[in-house]
PDB file of N, CA and C in Angstrom:
ATOM      1  N   UNK A   1     -22.059  -2.250 -64.150  1.00  0.00           N
ATOM      2  CA  UNK A   1     -22.764  -2.516 -65.275  1.00  0.00           C
ATOM      3  C   UNK A   1     -24.200  -2.684 -65.630  1.00  0.00           C
ATOM      4  N   UNK A   2     -24.539  -2.901 -64.443  1.00  0.00           N
ATOM      5  CA  UNK A   2     -26.115  -3.684 -64.135  1.00  0.00           C
ATOM      6  C   UNK A   2     -26.994  -1.991 -64.288  1.00  0.00           C
ATOM      7  N   UNK A   3     -26.132  -1.027 -63.514  1.00  0.00           N
ATOM      8  CA  UNK A   3     -26.669   0.184 -63.383  1.00  0.00           C
ATOM      9  C   UNK A   3     -27.194   0.861 -64.686  1.00  0.00           C
ATOM     10  N   UNK A   4     -26.133   0.299 -65.582  1.00  0.00           N
ATOM     11  CA  UNK A   4     -26.571   1.212 -67.203  1.00  0.00           C
ATOM     12  C   UNK A   4     -28.277   0.719 -67.232  1.00  0.00           C
ATOM     13  N   UNK A   5     -28.756  -0.779 -66.831  1.00  0.00           N
ATOM     14  CA  UNK A   5     -29.730  -1.259 -66.886  1.00  0.00           C
ATOM     15  C   UNK A   5     -30.979  -0.683 -66.295  1.00  0.00           C
ATOM     16  N   UNK A   6     -30.516  -0.639 -65.062  1.00  0.00           N
ATOM     17  CA  UNK A   6     -31.257  -0.340 -63.729  1.00  0.00           C
ATOM     18  C   UNK A   6     -30.942   1.222 -63.049  1.00  0.00           C
ATOM     19  N   UNK A   7     -30.661   2.263 -63.483  1.00  0.00           N
ATOM     20  CA  UNK A   7     -30.389   3.253 -62.822  1.00  0.00           C
ATOM     21  C   UNK A   7     -30.614   3.845 -61.795  1.00  0.00           C
ATOM     22  N   UNK A   8     -31.727   3.355 -61.012  1.00  0.00           N
ATOM     23  CA  UNK A   8     -32.409   3.475 -59.959  1.00  0.00           C
ATOM     24  C   UNK A   8     -31.823   2.610 -58.916  1.00  0.00           C
ATOM     25  N   UNK A   9     -31.155   1.419 -59.285  1.00  0.00           N
ATOM     26  CA  UNK A   9     -31.051   0.504 -58.298  1.00  0.00           C
ATOM     27  C   UNK A   9     -29.776   0.851 -57.231  1.00  0.00           C
ATOM     28  N   UNK A  10     -29.829   0.645 -56.139  1.00  0.00           N
ATOM     29  CA  UNK A  10     -29.271   1.087 -55.175  1.00  0.00           C
ATOM     30  C   UNK A  10     -28.068  -0.434 -55.017  1.00  0.00           C
ATOM     31  N   UNK A  11     -26.965  -0.308 -54.827  1.00  0.00           N
ATOM     32  CA  UNK A  11     -25.922  -1.168 -54.557  1.00  0.00           C
ATOM     33  C   UNK A  11     -25.398  -1.041 -53.356  1.00  0.00           C
ATOM     34  N   UNK A  12     -25.388  -1.867 -52.450  1.00  0.00           N
ATOM     35  CA  UNK A  12     -25.014  -2.157 -50.863  1.00  0.00           C
ATOM     36  C   UNK A  12     -24.115  -3.447 -50.614  1.00  0.00           C
ATOM     37  N   UNK A  13     -23.030  -3.069 -50.447  1.00  0.00           N
ATOM     38  CA  UNK A  13     -22.100  -4.121 -50.055  1.00  0.00           C
ATOM     39  C   UNK A  13     -22.033  -4.409 -48.112  1.00  0.00           C
ATOM     40  N   UNK A  14     -22.037  -5.340 -47.823  1.00  0.00           N
ATOM     41  CA  UNK A  14     -21.966  -5.550 -46.371  1.00  0.00           C
ATOM     42  C   UNK A  14     -21.004  -6.567 -46.306  1.00  0.00           C
ATOM     43  N   UNK A  15     -20.593  -7.048 -45.101  1.00  0.00           N
ATOM     44  CA  UNK A  15     -20.128  -8.197 -44.567  1.00  0.00           C
ATOM     45  C   UNK A  15     -20.807  -9.398 -44.360  1.00  0.00           C
ATOM     46  N   UNK A  16     -20.879 -10.621 -44.871  1.00  0.00           N
ATOM     47  CA  UNK A  16     -21.924 -11.553 -44.094  1.00  0.00           C
ATOM     48  C   UNK A  16     -21.034 -12.248 -43.261  1.00  0.00           C
ATOM     49  N   UNK A  17     -21.107 -12.233 -41.723  1.00  0.00           N
ATOM     50  CA  UNK A  17     -20.354 -12.658 -40.638  1.00  0.00           C
ATOM     51  C   UNK A  17     -20.396 -13.969 -40.969  1.00  0.00           C
ATOM     52  N   UNK A  18     -19.233 -14.481 -40.212  1.00  0.00           N
ATOM     53  CA  UNK A  18     -19.283 -16.098 -39.818  1.00  0.00           C
ATOM     54  C   UNK A  18     -19.873 -16.500 -38.768  1.00  0.00           C
ATOM     55  N   UNK A  19     -19.868 -17.969 -38.571  1.00  0.00           N
ATOM     56  CA  UNK A  19     -20.729 -18.116 -37.369  1.00  0.00           C
ATOM     57  C   UNK A  19     -19.929 -18.237 -36.273  1.00  0.00           C
ATOM     58  N   UNK A  20     -20.603 -17.718 -35.014  1.00  0.00           N
ATOM     59  CA  UNK A  20     -19.775 -17.435 -33.967  1.00  0.00           C
ATOM     60  C   UNK A  20     -18.496 -18.432 -33.525  1.00  0.00           C
ATOM     61  N   UNK A  21     -18.752 -20.036 -33.408  1.00  0.00           N
ATOM     62  CA  UNK A  21     -17.830 -20.766 -33.629  1.00  0.00           C
ATOM     63  C   UNK A  21     -16.783 -20.525 -34.521  1.00  0.00           C
ATOM     64  N   UNK A  22     -17.078 -20.348 -35.953  1.00  0.00           N
ATOM     65  CA  UNK A  22     -15.838 -20.166 -36.699  1.00  0.00           C
ATOM     66  C   UNK A  22     -14.977 -18.877 -36.410  1.00  0.00           C
ATOM     67  N   UNK A  23     -15.826 -17.813 -35.925  1.00  0.00           N
ATOM     68  CA  UNK A  23     -15.244 -16.434 -35.454  1.00  0.00           C
ATOM     69  C   UNK A  23     -13.797 -16.928 -34.607  1.00  0.00           C
ATOM     70  N   UNK A  24     -14.599 -17.812 -33.435  1.00  0.00           N
ATOM     71  CA  UNK A  24     -13.750 -17.946 -32.362  1.00  0.00           C
ATOM     72  C   UNK A  24     -12.753 -18.619 -32.434  1.00  0.00           C
ATOM     73  N   UNK A  25     -12.786 -19.873 -33.363  1.00  0.00           N
ATOM     74  CA  UNK A  25     -11.936 -20.925 -33.809  1.00  0.00           C
ATOM     75  C   UNK A  25     -10.769 -20.017 -34.583  1.00  0.00           C
ATOM     76  N   UNK A  26     -11.158 -18.966 -35.757  1.00  0.00           N
ATOM     77  CA  UNK A  26     -10.286 -18.305 -36.213  1.00  0.00           C
ATOM     78  C   UNK A  26      -9.410 -17.433 -35.219  1.00  0.00           C
ATOM     79  N   UNK A  27     -10.092 -16.468 -34.405  1.00  0.00           N
ATOM     80  CA  UNK A  27      -9.304 -15.708 -33.840  1.00  0.00           C
ATOM     81  C   UNK A  27      -8.591 -16.472 -32.528  1.00  0.00           C
ATOM     82  N   UNK A  28      -8.758 -17.638 -32.046  1.00  0.00           N
ATOM     83  CA  UNK A  28      -7.796 -18.176 -31.361  1.00  0.00           C
ATOM     84  C   UNK A  28      -6.433 -18.790 -32.193  1.00  0.00           C
ATOM     85  N   UNK A  29      -6.785 -19.351 -33.492  1.00  0.00           N
ATOM     86  CA  UNK A  29      -5.728 -19.707 -34.270  1.00  0.00           C
ATOM     87  C   UNK A  29      -4.681 -18.463 -34.535  1.00  0.00           C
ATOM     88  N   UNK A  30      -5.496 -17.274 -34.782  1.00  0.00           N
ATOM     89  CA  UNK A  30      -4.597 -15.944 -35.188  1.00  0.00           C
ATOM     90  C   UNK A  30      -3.880 -15.926 -33.654  1.00  0.00           C
ATOM     91  N   UNK A  31      -4.404 -16.063 -32.924  1.00  0.00           N
ATOM     92  CA  UNK A  31      -3.580 -15.732 -31.315  1.00  0.00           C
ATOM     93  C   UNK A  31      -2.335 -16.592 -31.594  1.00  0.00           C
ATOM     94  N   UNK A  32      -2.826 -18.003 -31.619  1.00  0.00           N
ATOM     95  CA  UNK A  32      -1.745 -19.091 -31.434  1.00  0.00           C
ATOM     96  C   UNK A  32      -0.513 -18.772 -32.388  1.00  0.00           C
ATOM     97  N   UNK A  33      -0.923 -18.395 -33.435  1.00  0.00           N
ATOM     98  CA  UNK A  33      -0.032 -18.110 -34.817  1.00  0.00           C
ATOM     99  C   UNK A  33       1.207 -17.104 -33.839  1.00  0.00           C
ATOM    100  N   UNK A  34       0.521 -16.041 -33.526  1.00  0.00           N
ATOM    101  CA  UNK A  34       1.361 -14.966 -32.990  1.00  0.00           C
ATOM    102  C   UNK A  34       2.398 -15.244 -31.790  1.00  0.00           C
ATOM    103  N   UNK A  35       1.635 -15.945 -30.949  1.00  0.00           N
ATOM    104  CA  UNK A  35       2.057 -16.715 -29.533  1.00  0.00           C
ATOM    105  C   UNK A  35       3.331 -17.574 -30.293  1.00  0.00           C
ATOM    106  N   UNK A  36       3.227 -18.461 -31.093  1.00  0.00           N
ATOM    107  CA  UNK A  36       4.022 -19.469 -31.650  1.00  0.00           C
ATOM    108  C   UNK A  36       5.393 -18.643 -32.289  1.00  0.00           C
ATOM    109  N   UNK A  37       5.117 -17.689 -32.610  1.00  0.00           N
ATOM    110  CA  UNK A  37       6.142 -16.930 -33.679  1.00  0.00           C
ATOM    111  C   UNK A  37       6.883 -16.068 -32.630  1.00  0.00           C
ATOM    112  N   UNK A  38       6.456 -15.988 -31.359  1.00  0.00           N
ATOM    113  CA  UNK A  38       7.225 -15.244 -30.164  1.00  0.00           C
ATOM    114  C   UNK A  38       7.976 -16.298 -29.525  1.00  0.00           C
ATOM    115  N   UNK A  39       7.433 -17.447 -29.450  1.00  0.00           N
ATOM    116  CA  UNK A  39       8.050 -18.525 -29.050  1.00  0.00           C
ATOM    117  C   UNK A  39       9.429 -18.959 -29.708  1.00  0.00           C
ATOM    118  N   UNK A  40       8.770 -19.011 -31.305  1.00  0.00           N
ATOM    119  CA  UNK A  40       9.926 -19.840 -32.092  1.00  0.00           C
ATOM    120  C   UNK A  40      11.204 -18.962 -32.104  1.00  0.00           C
ATOM    121  N   UNK A  41      11.067 -17.468 -32.036  1.00  0.00           N
ATOM    122  CA  UNK A  41      12.077 -16.459 -32.330  1.00  0.00           C
ATOM    123  C   UNK A  41      12.745 -16.343 -31.283  1.00  0.00           C
ATOM    124  N   UNK A  42      11.922 -15.876 -29.758  1.00  0.00           N
ATOM    125  CA  UNK A  42      12.515 -15.469 -28.785  1.00  0.00           C
ATOM    126  C   UNK A  42      12.259 -16.410 -27.517  1.00  0.00           C
ATOM    127  N   UNK A  43      11.449 -17.357 -27.965  1.00  0.00           N
ATOM    128  CA  UNK A  43      10.913 -18.476 -26.414  1.00  0.00           C
ATOM    129  C   UNK A  43      12.296 -18.712 -25.791  1.00  0.00           C
ATOM    130  N   UNK A  44      13.198 -18.896 -26.126  1.00  0.00           N
ATOM    131  CA  UNK A  44      14.211 -19.194 -25.233  1.00  0.00           C
ATOM    132  C   UNK A  44      15.096 -18.260 -24.693  1.00  0.00           C
ATOM    133  N   UNK A  45      15.250 -17.195 -24.991  1.00  0.00           N
ATOM    134  CA  UNK A  45      15.520 -16.094 -24.106  1.00  0.00           C
ATOM    135  C   UNK A  45      14.458 -15.713 -23.091  1.00  0.00           C
ATOM    136  N   UNK A  46      13.109 -15.521 -23.670  1.00  0.00           N
ATOM    137  CA  UNK A  46      12.136 -15.174 -22.638  1.00  0.00           C
ATOM    138  C   UNK A  46      12.162 -16.110 -21.464  1.00  0.00           C
ATOM    139  N   UNK A  47      12.253 -17.503 -21.863  1.00  0.00           N
ATOM    140  CA  UNK A  47      12.181 -18.467 -20.627  1.00  0.00           C
ATOM    141  C   UNK A  47      13.202 -18.463 -19.592  1.00  0.00           C
ATOM    142  N   UNK A  48      14.255 -17.985 -20.247  1.00  0.00           N
ATOM    143  CA  UNK A  48      15.627 -17.961 -19.357  1.00  0.00           C
ATOM    144  C   UNK A  48      15.318 -16.515 -18.531  1.00  0.00           C
ATOM    145  N   UNK A  49      14.855 -15.418 -19.066  1.00  0.00           N
ATOM    146  CA  UNK A  49      14.685 -14.521 -18.410  1.00  0.00           C
ATOM    147  C   UNK A  49      13.814 -14.422 -17.252  1.00  0.00           C
ATOM    148  N   UNK A  50      12.837 -15.147 -17.595  1.00  0.00           N
ATOM    149  CA  UNK A  50      11.585 -15.474 -16.539  1.00  0.00           C
ATOM    150  C   UNK A  50      11.640 -16.915 -15.578  1.00  0.00           C
ATOM    151  N   UNK A  51      12.777 -17.303 -15.926  1.00  0.00           N
ATOM    152  CA  UNK A  51      13.315 -18.817 -15.110  1.00  0.00           C
ATOM    153  C   UNK A  51      11.691 -19.744 -15.585  1.00  0.00           C
ATOM    154  N   UNK A  52      11.801 -20.075 -16.499  1.00  0.00           N
ATOM    155  CA  UNK A  52      10.470 -20.738 -16.625  1.00  0.00           C
ATOM    156  C   UNK A  52      11.509 -22.239 -18.031  1.00  0.00           C
ATOM    157  N   UNK A  53      11.708 -23.011 -17.011  1.00  0.00           N
ATOM    158  CA  UNK A  53      12.673 -24.071 -17.719  1.00  0.00           C
ATOM    159  C   UNK A  53      11.673 -24.742 -18.874  1.00  0.00           C
ATOM    160  N   UNK A  54      10.540 -25.103 -18.741  1.00  0.00           N
ATOM    161  CA  UNK A  54       9.422 -25.498 -19.952  1.00  0.00           C
ATOM    162  C   UNK A  54       9.595 -24.634 -21.087  1.00  0.00           C
ATOM    163  N   UNK A  55       9.517 -23.616 -20.552  1.00  0.00           N
ATOM    164  CA  UNK A  55       9.418 -22.521 -21.975  1.00  0.00           C
ATOM    165  C   UNK A  55      10.356 -22.932 -22.942  1.00  0.00           C
ATOM    166  N   UNK A  56      12.015 -22.528 -22.277  1.00  0.00           N
ATOM    167  CA  UNK A  56      13.181 -22.535 -22.805  1.00  0.00           C
ATOM    168  C   UNK A  56      13.707 -23.913 -23.152  1.00  0.00           C
ATOM    169  N   UNK A  57      12.875 -25.169 -22.769  1.00  0.00           N
ATOM    170  CA  UNK A  57      13.442 -26.121 -23.398  1.00  0.00           C
ATOM    171  C   UNK A  57      12.450 -26.477 -24.460  1.00  0.00           C
ATOM    172  N   UNK A  58      11.438 -26.017 -24.877  1.00  0.00           N
ATOM    173  CA  UNK A  58      10.329 -26.121 -25.736  1.00  0.00           C
ATOM    174  C   UNK A  58      10.780 -25.303 -26.712  1.00  0.00           C
ATOM    175  N   UNK A  59      11.314 -24.230 -26.793  1.00  0.00           N
ATOM    176  CA  UNK A  59      11.724 -23.146 -27.493  1.00  0.00           C
ATOM    177  C   UNK A  59      12.741 -24.032 -28.211  1.00  0.00           C
ATOM    178  N   UNK A  60      13.887 -24.356 -27.427  1.00  0.00           N
ATOM    179  CA  UNK A  60      14.727 -25.140 -27.806  1.00  0.00           C
ATOM    180  C   UNK A  60      14.711 -26.247 -29.089  1.00  0.00           C
ATOM    181  N   UNK A  61      13.866 -26.978 -28.591  1.00  0.00           N
ATOM    182  CA  UNK A  61      13.181 -28.300 -29.329  1.00  0.00           C
ATOM    183  C   UNK A  61      12.534 -27.697 -30.491  1.00  0.00           C
ATOM    184  N   UNK A  62      11.579 -26.686 -30.691  1.00  0.00           N
ATOM    185  CA  UNK A  62      11.170 -26.096 -31.921  1.00  0.00           C
ATOM    186  C   UNK A  62      12.269 -25.578 -32.535  1.00  0.00           C
ATOM    187  N   UNK A  63      12.863 -24.876 -32.186  1.00  0.00           N
ATOM    188  CA  UNK A  63      14.092 -24.122 -32.934  1.00  0.00           C
ATOM    189  C   UNK A  63      15.024 -25.103 -33.410  1.00  0.00           C
ATOM    190  N   UNK A  64      14.984 -26.166 -33.298  1.00  0.00           N
ATOM    191  CA  UNK A  64      15.654 -27.200 -34.107  1.00  0.00           C
ATOM    192  C   UNK A  64      15.391 -27.272 -35.384  1.00  0.00           C
ATOM    193  N   UNK A  65      14.179 -27.172 -35.883  1.00  0.00           N
ATOM    194  CA  UNK A  65      13.568 -27.330 -37.271  1.00  0.00           C
ATOM    195  C   UNK A  65      12.536 -25.797 -37.323  1.00  0.00           C
ATOM    196  N   UNK A  66      13.068 -24.758 -37.364  1.00  0.00           N
ATOM    197  CA  UNK A  66      12.466 -23.660 -37.488  1.00  0.00           C
ATOM    198  C   UNK A  66      11.207 -23.629 -38.618  1.00  0.00           C
ATOM    199  N   UNK A  67      12.012 -23.960 -39.822  1.00  0.00           N
ATOM    200  CA  UNK A  67      10.998 -24.217 -41.152  1.00  0.00           C
ATOM    201  C   UNK A  67      10.190 -24.911 -40.736  1.00  0.00           C
ATOM    202  N   UNK A  68      10.064 -26.026 -40.159  1.00  0.00           N
ATOM    203  CA  UNK A  68       8.453 -26.873 -40.135  1.00  0.00           C
ATOM    204  C   UNK A  68       7.895 -25.997 -38.953  1.00  0.00           C
ATOM    205  N   UNK A  69       8.200 -25.715 -38.224  1.00  0.00           N
ATOM    206  CA  UNK A  69       7.417 -25.371 -37.076  1.00  0.00           C
ATOM    207  C   UNK A  69       6.597 -23.936 -37.609  1.00  0.00           C
ATOM    208  N   UNK A  70       7.436 -23.407 -38.409  1.00  0.00           N
ATOM    209  CA  UNK A  70       6.979 -22.195 -38.785  1.00  0.00           C
ATOM    210  C   UNK A  70       5.693 -22.448 -40.083  1.00  0.00           C
ATOM    211  N   UNK A  71       6.256 -23.329 -40.792  1.00  0.00           N
ATOM    212  CA  UNK A  71       5.157 -23.786 -41.635  1.00  0.00           C
ATOM    213  C   UNK A  71       3.986 -24.438 -40.939  1.00  0.00           C
ATOM    214  N   UNK A  72       3.900 -25.054 -39.670  1.00  0.00           N
ATOM    215  CA  UNK A  72       2.913 -25.514 -38.974  1.00  0.00           C
ATOM    216  C   UNK A  72       2.140 -24.050 -38.759  1.00  0.00           C
ATOM    217  N   UNK A  73       2.842 -23.374 -38.047  1.00  0.00           N
ATOM    218  CA  UNK A  73       1.721 -22.200 -37.399  1.00  0.00           C
ATOM    219  C   UNK A  73       1.107 -21.304 -38.740  1.00  0.00           C
ATOM    220  N   UNK A  74       1.787 -21.046 -39.878  1.00  0.00           N
ATOM    221  CA  UNK A  74       1.433 -20.775 -41.007  1.00  0.00           C
ATOM    222  C   UNK A  74       0.066 -20.991 -41.239  1.00  0.00           C
ATOM    223  N   UNK A  75       0.442 -22.418 -41.390  1.00  0.00           N
ATOM    224  CA  UNK A  75      -0.997 -23.171 -42.114  1.00  0.00           C
ATOM    225  C   UNK A  75      -2.024 -23.073 -41.101  1.00  0.00           C
ATOM    226  N   UNK A  76      -1.895 -23.184 -39.647  1.00  0.00           N
ATOM    227  CA  UNK A  76      -3.131 -22.954 -39.005  1.00  0.00           C
ATOM    228  C   UNK A  76      -3.634 -21.454 -38.973  1.00  0.00           C
ATOM    229  N   UNK A  77      -2.846 -20.392 -39.459  1.00  0.00           N
ATOM    230  CA  UNK A  77      -3.336 -19.051 -39.849  1.00  0.00           C
ATOM    231  C   UNK A  77      -3.803 -19.372 -41.038  1.00  0.00           C
ATOM    232  N   UNK A  78      -3.468 -19.939 -41.725  1.00  0.00           N
ATOM    233  CA  UNK A  78      -4.124 -20.223 -43.035  1.00  0.00           C
ATOM    234  C   UNK A  78      -5.686 -20.452 -42.753  1.00  0.00           C
ATOM    235  N   UNK A  79      -5.894 -21.808 -42.150  1.00  0.00           N
ATOM    236  CA  UNK A  79      -7.124 -22.253 -41.770  1.00  0.00           C
ATOM    237  C   UNK A  79      -7.958 -21.315 -40.898  1.00  0.00           C
ATOM    238  N   UNK A  80      -7.561 -20.343 -40.111  1.00  0.00           N
ATOM    239  CA  UNK A  80      -8.243 -19.606 -39.686  1.00  0.00           C
ATOM    240  C   UNK A  80      -8.781 -18.571 -40.497  1.00  0.00           C
ATOM    241  N   UNK A  81      -7.627 -17.984 -41.597  1.00  0.00           N
ATOM    242  CA  UNK A  81      -8.484 -17.043 -42.379  1.00  0.00           C
ATOM    243  C   UNK A  81      -9.600 -17.611 -43.137  1.00  0.00           C
ATOM    244  N   UNK A  82      -9.378 -18.899 -43.420  1.00  0.00           N
ATOM    245  CA  UNK A  82     -10.419 -19.647 -44.559  1.00  0.00           C
ATOM    246  C   UNK A  82     -12.101 -19.965 -43.419  1.00  0.00           C
ATOM    247  N   UNK A  83     -11.699 -19.779 -42.310  1.00  0.00           N
ATOM    248  CA  UNK A  83     -12.811 -19.861 -41.894  1.00  0.00           C
ATOM    249  C   UNK A  83     -13.784 -18.920 -41.612  1.00  0.00           C
ATOM    250  N   UNK A  84     -13.461 -17.908 -41.644  1.00  0.00           N
ATOM    251  CA  UNK A  84     -14.146 -16.564 -41.677  1.00  0.00           C
ATOM    252  C   UNK A  84     -14.315 -15.882 -42.854  1.00  0.00           C
ATOM    253  N   UNK A  85     -14.082 -16.593 -44.011  1.00  0.00           N
ATOM    254  CA  UNK A  85     -14.046 -16.284 -45.387  1.00  0.00           C
ATOM    255  C   UNK A  85     -15.526 -16.783 -45.994  1.00  0.00           C
ATOM    256  N   UNK A  86     -16.449 -16.230 -45.768  1.00  0.00           N
ATOM    257  CA  UNK A  86     -17.935 -16.962 -46.191  1.00  0.00           C
ATOM    258  C   UNK A  86     -18.368 -16.915 -47.392  1.00  0.00           C
ATOM    259  N   UNK A  87     -17.448 -16.296 -48.128  1.00  0.00           N
ATOM    260  CA  UNK A  87     -18.108 -16.162 -49.775  1.00  0.00           C
ATOM    261  C   UNK A  87     -19.431 -15.887 -50.148  1.00  0.00           C
ATOM    262  N   UNK A  88     -20.228 -15.132 -49.094  1.00  0.00           N
ATOM    263  CA  UNK A  88     -21.582 -14.643 -49.499  1.00  0.00           C
ATOM    264  C   UNK A  88     -21.318 -13.959 -50.600  1.00  0.00           C
ATOM    265  N   UNK A  89     -22.384 -13.690 -51.309  1.00  0.00           N
ATOM    266  CA  UNK A  89     -22.802 -13.011 -52.568  1.00  0.00           C
ATOM    267  C   UNK A  89     -24.370 -13.250 -52.790  1.00  0.00           C
ATOM    268  N   UNK A  90     -24.945 -12.226 -52.003  1.00  0.00           N
ATOM    269  CA  UNK A  90     -26.571 -12.211 -52.657  1.00  0.00           C
ATOM    270  C   UNK A  90     -27.270 -11.118 -52.882  1.00  0.00           C
ATOM    271  N   UNK A  91     -28.020 -11.106 -53.963  1.00  0.00           N
ATOM    272  CA  UNK A  91     -28.632 -10.004 -54.582  1.00  0.00           C
ATOM    273  C   UNK A  91     -30.215 -10.142 -54.309  1.00  0.00           C
ATOM    274  N   UNK A  92     -30.688  -8.752 -54.076  1.00  0.00           N
ATOM    275  CA  UNK A  92     -32.040  -8.676 -53.553  1.00  0.00           C
ATOM    276  C   UNK A  92     -32.806  -7.592 -54.301  1.00  0.00           C
ATOM    277  N   UNK A  93     -33.872  -7.896 -54.465  1.00  0.00           N
ATOM    278  CA  UNK A  93     -34.629  -6.972 -55.436  1.00  0.00           C
ATOM    279  C   UNK A  93     -36.117  -6.756 -54.735  1.00  0.00           C
ATOM    280  N   UNK A  94     -36.535  -5.318 -54.395  1.00  0.00           N
ATOM    281  CA  UNK A  94     -37.436  -5.544 -53.539  1.00  0.00           C
ATOM    282  C   UNK A  94     -37.150  -6.246 -52.195  1.00  0.00           C
ATOM    283  N   UNK A  95     -36.445  -6.172 -51.673  1.00  0.00           N
ATOM    284  CA  UNK A  95     -36.239  -6.995 -50.394  1.00  0.00           C
ATOM    285  C   UNK A  95     -36.696  -8.507 -50.830  1.00  0.00           C
ATOM    286  N   UNK A  96     -36.513  -9.115 -51.567  1.00  0.00           N
ATOM    287  CA  UNK A  96     -36.761 -10.613 -52.096  1.00  0.00           C
ATOM    288  C   UNK A  96     -35.659 -10.788 -52.453  1.00  0.00           C
ATOM    289  N   UNK A  97     -34.959 -12.231 -51.806  1.00  0.00           N
ATOM    290  CA  UNK A  97     -33.939 -12.705 -52.539  1.00  0.00           C
ATOM    291  C   UNK A  97     -33.715 -13.202 -53.839  1.00  0.00           C
ATOM    292  N   UNK A  98     -33.348 -13.015 -54.812  1.00  0.00           N
ATOM    293  CA  UNK A  98     -33.094 -13.623 -56.126  1.00  0.00           C
ATOM    294  C   UNK A  98     -31.777 -14.208 -56.357  1.00  0.00           C
ATOM    295  N   UNK A  99     -30.931 -14.147 -55.958  1.00  0.00           N
ATOM    296  CA  UNK A  99     -29.602 -15.001 -56.142  1.00  0.00           C
ATOM    297  C   UNK A  99     -28.636 -14.800 -54.553  1.00  0.00           C
ATOM    298  N   UNK A 100     -28.536 -16.140 -54.186  1.00  0.00           N
ATOM    299  CA  UNK A 100     -27.375 -16.481 -53.169  1.00  0.00           C
ATOM    300  C   UNK A 100     -26.149 -17.398 -53.529  1.00  0.00           C
ATOM    301  N   UNK A 101     -24.966 -16.730 -53.462  1.00  0.00           N
ATOM    302  CA  UNK A 101     -24.191 -18.033 -53.667  1.00  0.00           C
ATOM    303  C   UNK A 101     -24.104 -18.772 -52.820  1.00  0.00           C
ATOM    304  N   UNK A 102     -24.674 -18.641 -51.448  1.00  0.00           N
ATOM    305  CA  UNK A 102     -24.317 -19.485 -50.591  1.00  0.00           C
ATOM    306  C   UNK A 102     -25.339 -20.876 -50.558  1.00  0.00           C
ATOM    307  N   UNK A 103     -26.594 -20.319 -51.249  1.00  0.00           N
ATOM    308  CA  UNK A 103     -27.405 -21.383 -51.832  1.00  0.00           C
ATOM    309  C   UNK A 103     -26.858 -22.120 -52.686  1.00  0.00           C
ATOM    310  N   UNK A 104     -26.579 -21.588 -53.779  1.00  0.00           N
ATOM    311  CA  UNK A 104     -26.074 -22.175 -55.227  1.00  0.00           C
ATOM    312  C   UNK A 104     -24.855 -22.809 -55.403  1.00  0.00           C
ATOM    313  N   UNK A 105     -24.013 -21.919 -54.745  1.00  0.00           N
ATOM    314  CA  UNK A 105     -22.526 -22.324 -54.808  1.00  0.00           C
ATOM    315  C   UNK A 105     -21.728 -21.456 -55.689  1.00  0.00           C
ATOM    316  N   UNK A 106     -22.318 -21.037 -56.911  1.00  0.00           N
ATOM    317  CA  UNK A 106     -21.740 -20.399 -57.930  1.00  0.00           C
ATOM    318  C   UNK A 106     -22.124 -18.921 -58.044  1.00  0.00           C
ATOM    319  N   UNK A 107     -21.413 -18.254 -59.011  1.00  0.00           N
ATOM    320  CA  UNK A 107     -21.823 -16.692 -58.924  1.00  0.00           C
ATOM    321  C   UNK A 107     -23.095 -16.445 -60.005  1.00  0.00           C
ATOM    322  N   UNK A 108     -23.609 -15.454 -60.122  1.00  0.00           N
ATOM    323  CA  UNK A 108     -24.440 -15.541 -61.358  1.00  0.00           C
ATOM    324  C   UNK A 108     -23.690 -14.881 -62.724  1.00  0.00           C
ATOM    325  N   UNK A 109     -23.974 -15.286 -63.444  1.00  0.00           N
ATOM    326  CA  UNK A 109     -23.618 -14.436 -65.090  1.00  0.00           C
ATOM    327  C   UNK A 109     -24.397 -13.267 -65.027  1.00  0.00           C
ATOM    328  N   UNK A 110     -23.427 -12.204 -65.585  1.00  0.00           N
ATOM    329  CA  UNK A 110     -24.287 -10.888 -66.042  1.00  0.00           C
ATOM    330  C   UNK A 110     -25.625 -10.887 -66.860  1.00  0.00           C
ATOM    331  N   UNK A 111     -25.700 -11.871 -67.655  1.00  0.00           N
ATOM    332  CA  UNK A 111     -27.385 -12.015 -68.148  1.00  0.00           C
ATOM    333  C   UNK A 111     -27.992 -12.404 -67.481  1.00  0.00           C
ATOM    334  N   UNK A 112     -28.086 -13.623 -66.386  1.00  0.00           N
ATOM    335  CA  UNK A 112     -28.859 -13.808 -65.787  1.00  0.00           C
ATOM    336  C   UNK A 112     -29.126 -13.224 -64.937  1.00  0.00           C
ATOM    337  N   UNK A 113     -28.238 -12.624 -63.803  1.00  0.00           N
ATOM    338  CA  UNK A 113     -28.846 -11.259 -62.815  1.00  0.00           C
ATOM    339  C   UNK A 113     -29.102 -10.357 -63.607  1.00  0.00           C
ATOM    340  N   UNK A 114     -29.312  -9.810 -64.644  1.00  0.00           N
ATOM    341  CA  UNK A 114     -29.739  -9.039 -65.523  1.00  0.00           C
ATOM    342  C   UNK A 114     -31.358  -9.302 -65.626  1.00  0.00           C
ATOM    343  N   UNK A 115     -31.635 -10.503 -66.143  1.00  0.00           N
ATOM    344  CA  UNK A 115     -33.068 -11.245 -66.372  1.00  0.00           C
ATOM    345  C   UNK A 115     -33.566 -10.916 -65.077  1.00  0.00           C
ATOM    346  N   UNK A 116     -33.069 -11.575 -64.257  1.00  0.00           N
ATOM    347  CA  UNK A 116     -33.743 -11.712 -62.656  1.00  0.00           C
ATOM    348  C   UNK A 116     -34.149 -10.760 -61.913  1.00  0.00           C
ATOM    349  N   UNK A 117     -33.544  -9.601 -62.379  1.00  0.00           N
ATOM    350  CA  UNK A 117     -33.861  -8.178 -61.550  1.00  0.00           C
ATOM    351  C   UNK A 117     -34.809  -7.665 -62.292  1.00  0.00           C
ATOM    352  N   UNK A 118     -34.960  -7.813 -63.668  1.00  0.00           N
ATOM    353  CA  UNK A 118     -35.874  -7.130 -64.846  1.00  0.00           C
ATOM    354  C   UNK A 118     -37.193  -7.824 -64.325  1.00  0.00           C
ATOM    355  N   UNK A 119     -37.416  -9.012 -63.516  1.00  0.00           N
ATOM    356  CA  UNK A 119     -38.475  -9.651 -63.501  1.00  0.00           C
ATOM    357  C   UNK A 119     -39.239  -8.818 -62.353  1.00  0.00           C
ATOM    358  N   UNK A 120     -38.255  -7.889 -61.310  1.00  0.00           N
ATOM    359  CA  UNK A 120     -39.054  -7.491 -60.312  1.00  0.00           C
ATOM    360  C   UNK A 120     -38.623  -5.636 -60.687  1.00  0.00           C
TER     361      UNK A 120
END
């Protein structure tokens, strides 16, 4: 819609990366989620096949309440997904930042954005 007012404008989308620590934690939680699912549903059999008594016993214990164990794993996965969602929305005009959701915490209205762009 802004292109109607500013036909020469370029609209570029990009991913604003999370901090390395957040990315590492998110990746770790994602791996733990997958490993947890494997243990939850096949851990007892894997433990018996590989002769690992700890894995067999642990899998039996969490298997007694699979719903709670699954919800715990799922919540960890959701937290990991939220860690990498930066919510960044930034608008530049002539290489100058004119709006940043990271700084303001809000998205601009169409009219406000049009006014700010018109200044450049």
